[in-house]
């Protein structure tokens, strides 16, 4: 699913909200998540998962084209951990009548 498909599904589910307003809502949510990650804050959405920034150490690598040794600098990456509820839904261990307790 891409962003435009998500917006279309939300517009279909909530016809009283205009499409341009739905686009703004989704953009604000994504931008706030990005800004929180830039500030090294975790983003946790209950029932979906947690995003956090990790720092990968600098290391020495090898260029596969010419086998020369190169220095790879340290960089930031995002680590995502899914919630237990999402894990159970993906693995068909979810009962509609009983929602498992979160941490």
PDB file of N, CA and C in Angstrom:
ATOM      1  N   UNK A   1       0.848  -1.174   0.000  1.00  0.00           N
ATOM      2  CA  UNK A   1       0.000   0.000   0.000  1.00  0.00           C
ATOM      3  C   UNK A   1       0.893   1.236   0.000  1.00  0.00           C
ATOM      4  N   UNK A   2       0.546   2.167  -0.836  1.00  0.00           N
ATOM      5  CA  UNK A   2       1.268   3.430  -0.903  1.00  0.00           C
ATOM      6  C   UNK A   2       0.407   4.521  -0.271  1.00  0.00           C
ATOM      7  N   UNK A   3       0.996   5.695  -0.096  1.00  0.00           N
ATOM      8  CA  UNK A   3       0.322   6.785   0.596  1.00  0.00           C
ATOM      9  C   UNK A   3      -1.007   7.159  -0.054  1.00  0.00           C
ATOM     10  N   UNK A   4      -1.050   7.211  -1.388  1.00  0.00           N
ATOM     11  CA  UNK A   4      -2.294   7.583  -2.076  1.00  0.00           C
ATOM     12  C   UNK A   4      -3.394   6.537  -1.856  1.00  0.00           C
ATOM     13  N   UNK A   5      -3.018   5.265  -1.783  1.00  0.00           N
ATOM     14  CA  UNK A   5      -4.009   4.210  -1.506  1.00  0.00           C
ATOM     15  C   UNK A   5      -4.540   4.335  -0.087  1.00  0.00           C
ATOM     16  N   UNK A   6      -3.662   4.651   0.861  1.00  0.00           N
ATOM     17  CA  UNK A   6      -4.092   4.856   2.242  1.00  0.00           C
ATOM     18  C   UNK A   6      -5.071   6.021   2.331  1.00  0.00           C
ATOM     19  N   UNK A   7      -4.760   7.111   1.655  1.00  0.00           N
ATOM     20  CA  UNK A   7      -5.643   8.280   1.662  1.00  0.00           C
ATOM     21  C   UNK A   7      -6.991   7.932   1.049  1.00  0.00           C
ATOM     22  N   UNK A   8      -6.977   7.174  -0.043  1.00  0.00           N
ATOM     23  CA  UNK A   8      -8.229   6.793  -0.692  1.00  0.00           C
ATOM     24  C   UNK A   8      -9.075   5.908   0.220  1.00  0.00           C
ATOM     25  N   UNK A   9      -8.457   4.950   0.901  1.00  0.00           N
ATOM     26  CA  UNK A   9      -9.200   4.080   1.827  1.00  0.00           C
ATOM     27  C   UNK A   9      -9.802   4.886   2.972  1.00  0.00           C
ATOM     28  N   UNK A  10      -9.036   5.843   3.501  1.00  0.00           N
ATOM     29  CA  UNK A  10      -9.550   6.682   4.578  1.00  0.00           C
ATOM     30  C   UNK A  10     -10.682   7.582   4.091  1.00  0.00           C
ATOM     31  N   UNK A  11     -10.553   8.095   2.866  1.00  0.00           N
ATOM     32  CA  UNK A  11     -11.626   8.928   2.296  1.00  0.00           C
ATOM     33  C   UNK A  11     -12.892   8.096   2.087  1.00  0.00           C
ATOM     34  N   UNK A  12     -12.733   6.844   1.687  1.00  0.00           N
ATOM     35  CA  UNK A  12     -13.893   5.967   1.516  1.00  0.00           C
ATOM     36  C   UNK A  12     -14.541   5.646   2.864  1.00  0.00           C
ATOM     37  N   UNK A  13     -13.704   5.463   3.890  1.00  0.00           N
ATOM     38  CA  UNK A  13     -14.229   5.127   5.213  1.00  0.00           C
ATOM     39  C   UNK A  13     -14.860   6.335   5.905  1.00  0.00           C
ATOM     40  N   UNK A  14     -14.349   7.538   5.611  1.00  0.00           N
ATOM     41  CA  UNK A  14     -14.852   8.758   6.227  1.00  0.00           C
ATOM     42  C   UNK A  14     -15.222   9.770   5.136  1.00  0.00           C
ATOM     43  N   UNK A  15     -16.376   9.585   4.500  1.00  0.00           N
ATOM     44  CA  UNK A  15     -16.737  10.446   3.362  1.00  0.00           C
ATOM     45  C   UNK A  15     -17.012  11.901   3.740  1.00  0.00           C
ATOM     46  N   UNK A  16     -17.222  12.186   5.024  1.00  0.00           N
ATOM     47  CA  UNK A  16     -17.491  13.563   5.436  1.00  0.00           C
ATOM     48  C   UNK A  16     -16.219  14.417   5.537  1.00  0.00           C
ATOM     49  N   UNK A  17     -15.042  13.791   5.430  1.00  0.00           N
ATOM     50  CA  UNK A  17     -13.778  14.523   5.447  1.00  0.00           C
ATOM     51  C   UNK A  17     -13.277  14.655   4.007  1.00  0.00           C
ATOM     52  N   UNK A  18     -12.955  15.859   3.608  1.00  0.00           N
ATOM     53  CA  UNK A  18     -12.485  16.110   2.246  1.00  0.00           C
ATOM     54  C   UNK A  18     -11.120  15.455   2.007  1.00  0.00           C
ATOM     55  N   UNK A  19     -10.876  15.093   0.757  1.00  0.00           N
ATOM     56  CA  UNK A  19      -9.622  14.427   0.403  1.00  0.00           C
ATOM     57  C   UNK A  19      -8.411  15.298   0.726  1.00  0.00           C
ATOM     58  N   UNK A  20      -8.482  16.600   0.428  1.00  0.00           N
ATOM     59  CA  UNK A  20      -7.331  17.472   0.699  1.00  0.00           C
ATOM     60  C   UNK A  20      -7.061  17.575   2.200  1.00  0.00           C
ATOM     61  N   UNK A  21      -8.125  17.520   3.013  1.00  0.00           N
ATOM     62  CA  UNK A  21      -7.927  17.526   4.467  1.00  0.00           C
ATOM     63  C   UNK A  21      -7.297  16.217   4.932  1.00  0.00           C
ATOM     64  N   UNK A  22      -7.717  15.100   4.331  1.00  0.00           N
ATOM     65  CA  UNK A  22      -7.146  13.802   4.682  1.00  0.00           C
ATOM     66  C   UNK A  22      -5.669  13.750   4.301  1.00  0.00           C
ATOM     67  N   UNK A  23      -5.312  14.326   3.145  1.00  0.00           N
ATOM     68  CA  UNK A  23      -3.911  14.385   2.731  1.00  0.00           C
ATOM     69  C   UNK A  23      -3.088  15.195   3.722  1.00  0.00           C
ATOM     70  N   UNK A  24      -3.641  16.319   4.202  1.00  0.00           N
ATOM     71  CA  UNK A  24      -2.938  17.148   5.186  1.00  0.00           C
ATOM     72  C   UNK A  24      -2.756  16.389   6.499  1.00  0.00           C
ATOM     73  N   UNK A  25      -3.780  15.663   6.928  1.00  0.00           N
ATOM     74  CA  UNK A  25      -3.708  14.899   8.173  1.00  0.00           C
ATOM     75  C   UNK A  25      -2.594  13.855   8.095  1.00  0.00           C
ATOM     76  N   UNK A  26      -2.574  13.097   7.012  1.00  0.00           N
ATOM     77  CA  UNK A  26      -1.549  12.063   6.841  1.00  0.00           C
ATOM     78  C   UNK A  26      -0.162  12.699   6.766  1.00  0.00           C
ATOM     79  N   UNK A  27      -0.033  13.816   6.047  1.00  0.00           N
ATOM     80  CA  UNK A  27       1.265  14.491   5.939  1.00  0.00           C
ATOM     81  C   UNK A  27       1.746  14.993   7.298  1.00  0.00           C
ATOM     82  N   UNK A  28       0.851  15.549   8.096  1.00  0.00           N
ATOM     83  CA  UNK A  28       1.228  16.029   9.427  1.00  0.00           C
ATOM     84  C   UNK A  28       1.690  14.867  10.305  1.00  0.00           C
ATOM     85  N   UNK A  29       0.983  13.752  10.258  1.00  0.00           N
ATOM     86  CA  UNK A  29       1.357  12.583  11.066  1.00  0.00           C
ATOM     87  C   UNK A  29       2.744  12.087  10.663  1.00  0.00           C
ATOM     88  N   UNK A  30       2.982  11.932   9.369  1.00  0.00           N
ATOM     89  CA  UNK A  30       4.279  11.436   8.894  1.00  0.00           C
ATOM     90  C   UNK A  30       5.392  12.424   9.242  1.00  0.00           C
ATOM     91  N   UNK A  31       5.152  13.716   9.035  1.00  0.00           N
ATOM     92  CA  UNK A  31       6.175  14.716   9.357  1.00  0.00           C
ATOM     93  C   UNK A  31       6.493  14.759  10.841  1.00  0.00           C
ATOM     94  N   UNK A  32       5.488  14.616  11.692  1.00  0.00           N
ATOM     95  CA  UNK A  32       5.739  14.602  13.137  1.00  0.00           C
ATOM     96  C   UNK A  32       6.544  13.374  13.546  1.00  0.00           C
ATOM     97  N   UNK A  33       6.281  12.237  12.912  1.00  0.00           N
ATOM     98  CA  UNK A  33       7.064  11.036  13.197  1.00  0.00           C
ATOM     99  C   UNK A  33       8.518  11.241  12.776  1.00  0.00           C
ATOM    100  N   UNK A  34       8.723  11.839  11.609  1.00  0.00           N
ATOM    101  CA  UNK A  34      10.077  12.096  11.123  1.00  0.00           C
ATOM    102  C   UNK A  34      10.818  13.054  12.059  1.00  0.00           C
ATOM    103  N   UNK A  35      10.155  14.115  12.474  1.00  0.00           N
ATOM    104  CA  UNK A  35      10.792  15.086  13.368  1.00  0.00           C
ATOM    105  C   UNK A  35      11.135  14.459  14.721  1.00  0.00           C
ATOM    106  N   UNK A  36      10.267  13.614  15.244  1.00  0.00           N
ATOM    107  CA  UNK A  36      10.559  12.936  16.513  1.00  0.00           C
ATOM    108  C   UNK A  36      11.773  12.027  16.361  1.00  0.00           C
ATOM    109  N   UNK A  37      11.860  11.306  15.253  1.00  0.00           N
ATOM    110  CA  UNK A  37      13.016  10.439  15.021  1.00  0.00           C
ATOM    111  C   UNK A  37      14.290  11.267  14.828  1.00  0.00           C
ATOM    112  N   UNK A  38      14.187  12.427  14.206  1.00  0.00           N
ATOM    113  CA  UNK A  38      15.357  13.302  14.047  1.00  0.00           C
ATOM    114  C   UNK A  38      15.862  13.795  15.401  1.00  0.00           C
ATOM    115  N   UNK A  39      14.961  13.942  16.370  1.00  0.00           N
ATOM    116  CA  UNK A  39      15.338  14.361  17.728  1.00  0.00           C
ATOM    117  C   UNK A  39      15.745  13.165  18.589  1.00  0.00           C
ATOM    118  N   UNK A  40      15.926  11.998  17.971  1.00  0.00           N
ATOM    119  CA  UNK A  40      16.297  10.750  18.654  1.00  0.00           C
ATOM    120  C   UNK A  40      15.253  10.299  19.672  1.00  0.00           C
ATOM    121  N   UNK A  41      13.991  10.607  19.399  1.00  0.00           N
ATOM    122  CA  UNK A  41      12.900  10.134  20.241  1.00  0.00           C
ATOM    123  C   UNK A  41      12.276   8.907  19.596  1.00  0.00           C
ATOM    124  N   UNK A  42      11.768   7.998  20.416  1.00  0.00           N
ATOM    125  CA  UNK A  42      11.070   6.825  19.909  1.00  0.00           C
ATOM    126  C   UNK A  42       9.660   7.216  19.486  1.00  0.00           C
ATOM    127  N   UNK A  43       9.137   6.526  18.491  1.00  0.00           N
ATOM    128  CA  UNK A  43       7.757   6.704  18.051  1.00  0.00           C
ATOM    129  C   UNK A  43       7.049   5.389  18.322  1.00  0.00           C
ATOM    130  N   UNK A  44       6.084   5.411  19.236  1.00  0.00           N
ATOM    131  CA  UNK A  44       5.375   4.188  19.607  1.00  0.00           C
ATOM    132  C   UNK A  44       3.891   4.367  19.318  1.00  0.00           C
ATOM    133  N   UNK A  45       3.371   3.467  18.507  1.00  0.00           N
ATOM    134  CA  UNK A  45       1.948   3.456  18.204  1.00  0.00           C
ATOM    135  C   UNK A  45       1.403   2.133  18.708  1.00  0.00           C
ATOM    136  N   UNK A  46       0.575   2.200  19.732  1.00  0.00           N
ATOM    137  CA  UNK A  46       0.041   0.990  20.357  1.00  0.00           C
ATOM    138  C   UNK A  46      -0.730   0.161  19.338  1.00  0.00           C
ATOM    139  N   UNK A  47      -0.500  -1.120  19.340  1.00  0.00           N
ATOM    140  CA  UNK A  47      -1.174  -2.020  18.425  1.00  0.00           C
ATOM    141  C   UNK A  47      -0.476  -2.140  17.081  1.00  0.00           C
ATOM    142  N   UNK A  48       0.536  -1.317  16.831  1.00  0.00           N
ATOM    143  CA  UNK A  48       1.260  -1.366  15.560  1.00  0.00           C
ATOM    144  C   UNK A  48       2.742  -1.650  15.776  1.00  0.00           C
ATOM    145  N   UNK A  49       3.423  -0.822  16.592  1.00  0.00           N
ATOM    146  CA  UNK A  49       4.826  -1.068  16.839  1.00  0.00           C
ATOM    147  C   UNK A  49       5.558   0.167  17.325  1.00  0.00           C
ATOM    148  N   UNK A  50       6.873   0.028  17.378  1.00  0.00           N
ATOM    149  CA  UNK A  50       7.733   1.085  17.892  1.00  0.00           C
ATOM    150  C   UNK A  50       8.886   1.312  16.916  1.00  0.00           C
ATOM    151  N   UNK A  51       9.141   2.583  16.580  1.00  0.00           N
ATOM    152  CA  UNK A  51      10.273   2.974  15.754  1.00  0.00           C
ATOM    153  C   UNK A  51      11.291   3.661  16.647  1.00  0.00           C
ATOM    154  N   UNK A  52      12.561   3.295  16.495  1.00  0.00           N
ATOM    155  CA  UNK A  52      13.591   3.998  17.242  1.00  0.00           C
ATOM    156  C   UNK A  52      14.835   4.129  16.387  1.00  0.00           C
ATOM    157  N   UNK A  53      15.616   5.161  16.672  1.00  0.00           N
ATOM    158  CA  UNK A  53      16.831   5.451  15.915  1.00  0.00           C
ATOM    159  C   UNK A  53      17.997   4.715  16.558  1.00  0.00           C
ATOM    160  N   UNK A  54      18.775   4.035  15.715  1.00  0.00           N
ATOM    161  CA  UNK A  54      20.002   3.398  16.180  1.00  0.00           C
ATOM    162  C   UNK A  54      21.158   3.996  15.390  1.00  0.00           C
ATOM    163  N   UNK A  55      22.346   3.959  15.961  1.00  0.00           N
ATOM    164  CA  UNK A  55      23.525   4.464  15.283  1.00  0.00           C
ATOM    165  C   UNK A  55      24.406   3.286  14.903  1.00  0.00           C
ATOM    166  N   UNK A  56      24.669   3.176  13.626  1.00  0.00           N
ATOM    167  CA  UNK A  56      25.574   2.128  13.145  1.00  0.00           C
ATOM    168  C   UNK A  56      26.995   2.656  13.200  1.00  0.00           C
ATOM    169  N   UNK A  57      27.898   1.844  13.700  1.00  0.00           N
ATOM    170  CA  UNK A  57      29.292   2.249  13.855  1.00  0.00           C
ATOM    171  C   UNK A  57      29.972   2.373  12.494  1.00  0.00           C
ATOM    172  N   UNK A  58      31.029   3.199  12.474  1.00  0.00           N
ATOM    173  CA  UNK A  58      31.868   3.289  11.288  1.00  0.00           C
ATOM    174  C   UNK A  58      32.603   1.960  11.129  1.00  0.00           C
ATOM    175  N   UNK A  59      32.833   1.585   9.872  1.00  0.00           N
ATOM    176  CA  UNK A  59      33.502   0.310   9.643  1.00  0.00           C
ATOM    177  C   UNK A  59      34.272   0.361   8.328  1.00  0.00           C
ATOM    178  N   UNK A  60      35.073  -0.653   8.141  1.00  0.00           N
ATOM    179  CA  UNK A  60      35.832  -0.767   6.905  1.00  0.00           C
ATOM    180  C   UNK A  60      35.111  -1.781   6.022  1.00  0.00           C
ATOM    181  N   UNK A  61      34.889  -1.397   4.769  1.00  0.00           N
ATOM    182  CA  UNK A  61      34.213  -2.280   3.822  1.00  0.00           C
ATOM    183  C   UNK A  61      35.057  -2.454   2.578  1.00  0.00           C
ATOM    184  N   UNK A  62      34.485  -3.144   1.610  1.00  0.00           N
ATOM    185  CA  UNK A  62      35.209  -3.401   0.370  1.00  0.00           C
ATOM    186  C   UNK A  62      34.293  -3.096  -0.807  1.00  0.00           C
ATOM    187  N   UNK A  63      34.814  -2.358  -1.785  1.00  0.00           N
ATOM    188  CA  UNK A  63      34.076  -2.055  -3.000  1.00  0.00           C
ATOM    189  C   UNK A  63      34.002  -3.335  -3.840  1.00  0.00           C
ATOM    190  N   UNK A  64      32.780  -3.825  -4.141  1.00  0.00           N
ATOM    191  CA  UNK A  64      32.686  -5.088  -4.880  1.00  0.00           C
ATOM    192  C   UNK A  64      33.154  -4.990  -6.337  1.00  0.00           C
ATOM    193  N   UNK A  65      33.182  -3.787  -6.895  1.00  0.00           N
ATOM    194  CA  UNK A  65      33.619  -3.643  -8.293  1.00  0.00           C
ATOM    195  C   UNK A  65      35.125  -3.841  -8.461  1.00  0.00           C
ATOM    196  N   UNK A  66      35.890  -3.210  -7.558  1.00  0.00           N
ATOM    197  CA  UNK A  66      37.341  -3.253  -7.741  1.00  0.00           C
ATOM    198  C   UNK A  66      38.092  -3.792  -6.522  1.00  0.00           C
ATOM    199  N   UNK A  67      37.379  -4.269  -5.527  1.00  0.00           N
ATOM    200  CA  UNK A  67      37.956  -4.881  -4.319  1.00  0.00           C
ATOM    201  C   UNK A  67      38.827  -3.940  -3.504  1.00  0.00           C
ATOM    202  N   UNK A  68      38.673  -2.619  -3.680  1.00  0.00           N
ATOM    203  CA  UNK A  68      39.426  -1.668  -2.871  1.00  0.00           C
ATOM    204  C   UNK A  68      38.765  -1.521  -1.512  1.00  0.00           C
ATOM    205  N   UNK A  69      39.587  -1.334  -0.494  1.00  0.00           N
ATOM    206  CA  UNK A  69      39.103  -1.137   0.862  1.00  0.00           C
ATOM    207  C   UNK A  69      38.627   0.307   1.001  1.00  0.00           C
ATOM    208  N   UNK A  70      37.435   0.495   1.591  1.00  0.00           N
ATOM    209  CA  UNK A  70      36.880   1.831   1.785  1.00  0.00           C
ATOM    210  C   UNK A  70      36.409   1.975   3.229  1.00  0.00           C
ATOM    211  N   UNK A  71      36.388   3.206   3.688  1.00  0.00           N
ATOM    212  CA  UNK A  71      35.906   3.514   5.036  1.00  0.00           C
ATOM    213  C   UNK A  71      34.426   3.880   4.931  1.00  0.00           C
ATOM    214  N   UNK A  72      33.578   3.143   5.641  1.00  0.00           N
ATOM    215  CA  UNK A  72      32.145   3.435   5.672  1.00  0.00           C
ATOM    216  C   UNK A  72      31.873   4.224   6.941  1.00  0.00           C
ATOM    217  N   UNK A  73      31.335   5.451   6.835  1.00  0.00           N
ATOM    218  CA  UNK A  73      31.143   6.294   8.024  1.00  0.00           C
ATOM    219  C   UNK A  73      29.991   5.803   8.903  1.00  0.00           C
ATOM    220  N   UNK A  74      29.976   6.283  10.142  1.00  0.00           N
ATOM    221  CA  UNK A  74      28.871   5.989  11.050  1.00  0.00           C
ATOM    222  C   UNK A  74      27.611   6.660  10.521  1.00  0.00           C
ATOM    223  N   UNK A  75      26.476   6.041  10.735  1.00  0.00           N
ATOM    224  CA  UNK A  75      25.219   6.618  10.261  1.00  0.00           C
ATOM    225  C   UNK A  75      24.067   6.162  11.132  1.00  0.00           C
ATOM    226  N   UNK A  76      22.967   6.882  11.016  1.00  0.00           N
ATOM    227  CA  UNK A  76      21.772   6.555  11.770  1.00  0.00           C
ATOM    228  C   UNK A  76      20.851   5.696  10.908  1.00  0.00           C
ATOM    229  N   UNK A  77      20.131   4.795  11.565  1.00  0.00           N
ATOM    230  CA  UNK A  77      19.153   3.951  10.891  1.00  0.00           C
ATOM    231  C   UNK A  77      17.949   3.807  11.819  1.00  0.00           C
ATOM    232  N   UNK A  78      16.866   3.292  11.283  1.00  0.00           N
ATOM    233  CA  UNK A  78      15.654   3.108  12.066  1.00  0.00           C
ATOM    234  C   UNK A  78      15.444   1.623  12.317  1.00  0.00           C
ATOM    235  N   UNK A  79      15.127   1.309  13.552  1.00  0.00           N
ATOM    236  CA  UNK A  79      14.804  -0.061  13.929  1.00  0.00           C
ATOM    237  C   UNK A  79      13.325  -0.087  14.290  1.00  0.00           C
ATOM    238  N   UNK A  80      12.609  -1.048  13.743  1.00  0.00           N
ATOM    239  CA  UNK A  80      11.179  -1.173  13.999  1.00  0.00           C
ATOM    240  C   UNK A  80      10.903  -2.497  14.688  1.00  0.00           C
ATOM    241  N   UNK A  81      10.106  -2.426  15.736  1.00  0.00           N
ATOM    242  CA  UNK A  81       9.686  -3.640  16.440  1.00  0.00           C
ATOM    243  C   UNK A  81       8.167  -3.641  16.463  1.00  0.00           C
ATOM    244  N   UNK A  82       7.586  -4.709  15.938  1.00  0.00           N
ATOM    245  CA  UNK A  82       6.125  -4.768  15.881  1.00  0.00           C
ATOM    246  C   UNK A  82       5.545  -5.076  17.257  1.00  0.00           C
ATOM    247  N   UNK A  83       4.306  -4.653  17.461  1.00  0.00           N
ATOM    248  CA  UNK A  83       3.639  -4.905  18.730  1.00  0.00           C
ATOM    249  C   UNK A  83       3.176  -6.355  18.792  1.00  0.00           C
ATOM    250  N   UNK A  84       2.877  -6.801  19.973  1.00  0.00           N
ATOM    251  CA  UNK A  84       2.405  -8.164  20.170  1.00  0.00           C
ATOM    252  C   UNK A  84       1.053  -8.378  19.490  1.00  0.00           C
ATOM    253  N   UNK A  85       0.209  -7.354  19.501  1.00  0.00           N
ATOM    254  CA  UNK A  85      -1.106  -7.453  18.860  1.00  0.00           C
ATOM    255  C   UNK A  85      -0.938  -7.655  17.354  1.00  0.00           C
ATOM    256  N   UNK A  86      -0.066  -6.875  16.718  1.00  0.00           N
ATOM    257  CA  UNK A  86       0.174  -7.028  15.287  1.00  0.00           C
ATOM    258  C   UNK A  86       0.784  -8.388  14.984  1.00  0.00           C
ATOM    259  N   UNK A  87       1.707  -8.818  15.819  1.00  0.00           N
ATOM    260  CA  UNK A  87       2.328 -10.136  15.640  1.00  0.00           C
ATOM    261  C   UNK A  87       1.263 -11.230  15.653  1.00  0.00           C
ATOM    262  N   UNK A  88       0.355 -11.160  16.610  1.00  0.00           N
ATOM    263  CA  UNK A  88      -0.698 -12.171  16.699  1.00  0.00           C
ATOM    264  C   UNK A  88      -1.644 -12.112  15.502  1.00  0.00           C
ATOM    265  N   UNK A  89      -1.953 -10.926  15.028  1.00  0.00           N
ATOM    266  CA  UNK A  89      -2.824 -10.798  13.850  1.00  0.00           C
ATOM    267  C   UNK A  89      -2.158 -11.357  12.603  1.00  0.00           C
ATOM    268  N   UNK A  90      -0.868 -11.106  12.440  1.00  0.00           N
ATOM    269  CA  UNK A  90      -0.157 -11.623  11.278  1.00  0.00           C
ATOM    270  C   UNK A  90      -0.053 -13.143  11.300  1.00  0.00           C
ATOM    271  N   UNK A  91       0.027 -13.706  12.477  1.00  0.00           N
ATOM    272  CA  UNK A  91       0.192 -15.147  12.614  1.00  0.00           C
ATOM    273  C   UNK A  91      -1.102 -15.862  12.955  1.00  0.00           C
ATOM    274  N   UNK A  92      -2.229 -15.207  12.714  1.00  0.00           N
ATOM    275  CA  UNK A  92      -3.563 -15.794  12.901  1.00  0.00           C
ATOM    276  C   UNK A  92      -3.808 -16.315  14.314  1.00  0.00           C
ATOM    277  N   UNK A  93      -3.199 -15.669  15.302  1.00  0.00           N
ATOM    278  CA  UNK A  93      -3.419 -16.022  16.700  1.00  0.00           C
ATOM    279  C   UNK A  93      -4.332 -15.009  17.365  1.00  0.00           C
ATOM    280  N   UNK A  94      -5.088 -14.279  16.568  1.00  0.00           N
ATOM    281  CA  UNK A  94      -5.906 -13.179  17.079  1.00  0.00           C
ATOM    282  C   UNK A  94      -7.355 -13.619  17.181  1.00  0.00           C
ATOM    283  N   UNK A  95      -7.943 -13.382  18.339  1.00  0.00           N
ATOM    284  CA  UNK A  95      -9.352 -13.677  18.566  1.00  0.00           C
ATOM    285  C   UNK A  95     -10.068 -12.339  18.635  1.00  0.00           C
ATOM    286  N   UNK A  96     -11.082 -12.141  17.792  1.00  0.00           N
ATOM    287  CA  UNK A  96     -11.806 -10.856  17.737  1.00  0.00           C
ATOM    288  C   UNK A  96     -12.429 -10.474  19.080  1.00  0.00           C
ATOM    289  N   UNK A  97     -12.857 -11.436  19.859  1.00  0.00           N
ATOM    290  CA  UNK A  97     -13.539 -11.155  21.112  1.00  0.00           C
ATOM    291  C   UNK A  97     -12.579 -10.881  22.263  1.00  0.00           C
ATOM    292  N   UNK A  98     -11.338 -11.297  22.102  1.00  0.00           N
ATOM    293  CA  UNK A  98     -10.377 -11.154  23.190  1.00  0.00           C
ATOM    294  C   UNK A  98      -9.125 -10.447  22.662  1.00  0.00           C
ATOM    295  N   UNK A  99      -8.934  -9.217  23.064  1.00  0.00           N
ATOM    296  CA  UNK A  99      -7.762  -8.459  22.666  1.00  0.00           C
ATOM    297  C   UNK A  99      -6.701  -8.656  23.741  1.00  0.00           C
ATOM    298  N   UNK A 100      -5.515  -9.149  23.372  1.00  0.00           N
ATOM    299  CA  UNK A 100      -4.489  -9.395  24.379  1.00  0.00           C
ATOM    300  C   UNK A 100      -4.010  -8.104  25.033  1.00  0.00           C
ATOM    301  N   UNK A 101      -3.619  -8.200  26.272  1.00  0.00           N
ATOM    302  CA  UNK A 101      -3.128  -7.046  27.017  1.00  0.00           C
ATOM    303  C   UNK A 101      -1.784  -6.622  26.477  1.00  0.00           C
ATOM    304  N   UNK A 102      -1.568  -5.307  26.411  1.00  0.00           N
ATOM    305  CA  UNK A 102      -0.262  -4.796  25.984  1.00  0.00           C
ATOM    306  C   UNK A 102       0.635  -4.681  27.195  1.00  0.00           C
ATOM    307  N   UNK A 103       1.920  -4.430  26.933  1.00  0.00           N
ATOM    308  CA  UNK A 103       2.908  -4.353  28.024  1.00  0.00           C
ATOM    309  C   UNK A 103       2.446  -3.421  29.059  1.00  0.00           C
TER     310      UNK A 103
END
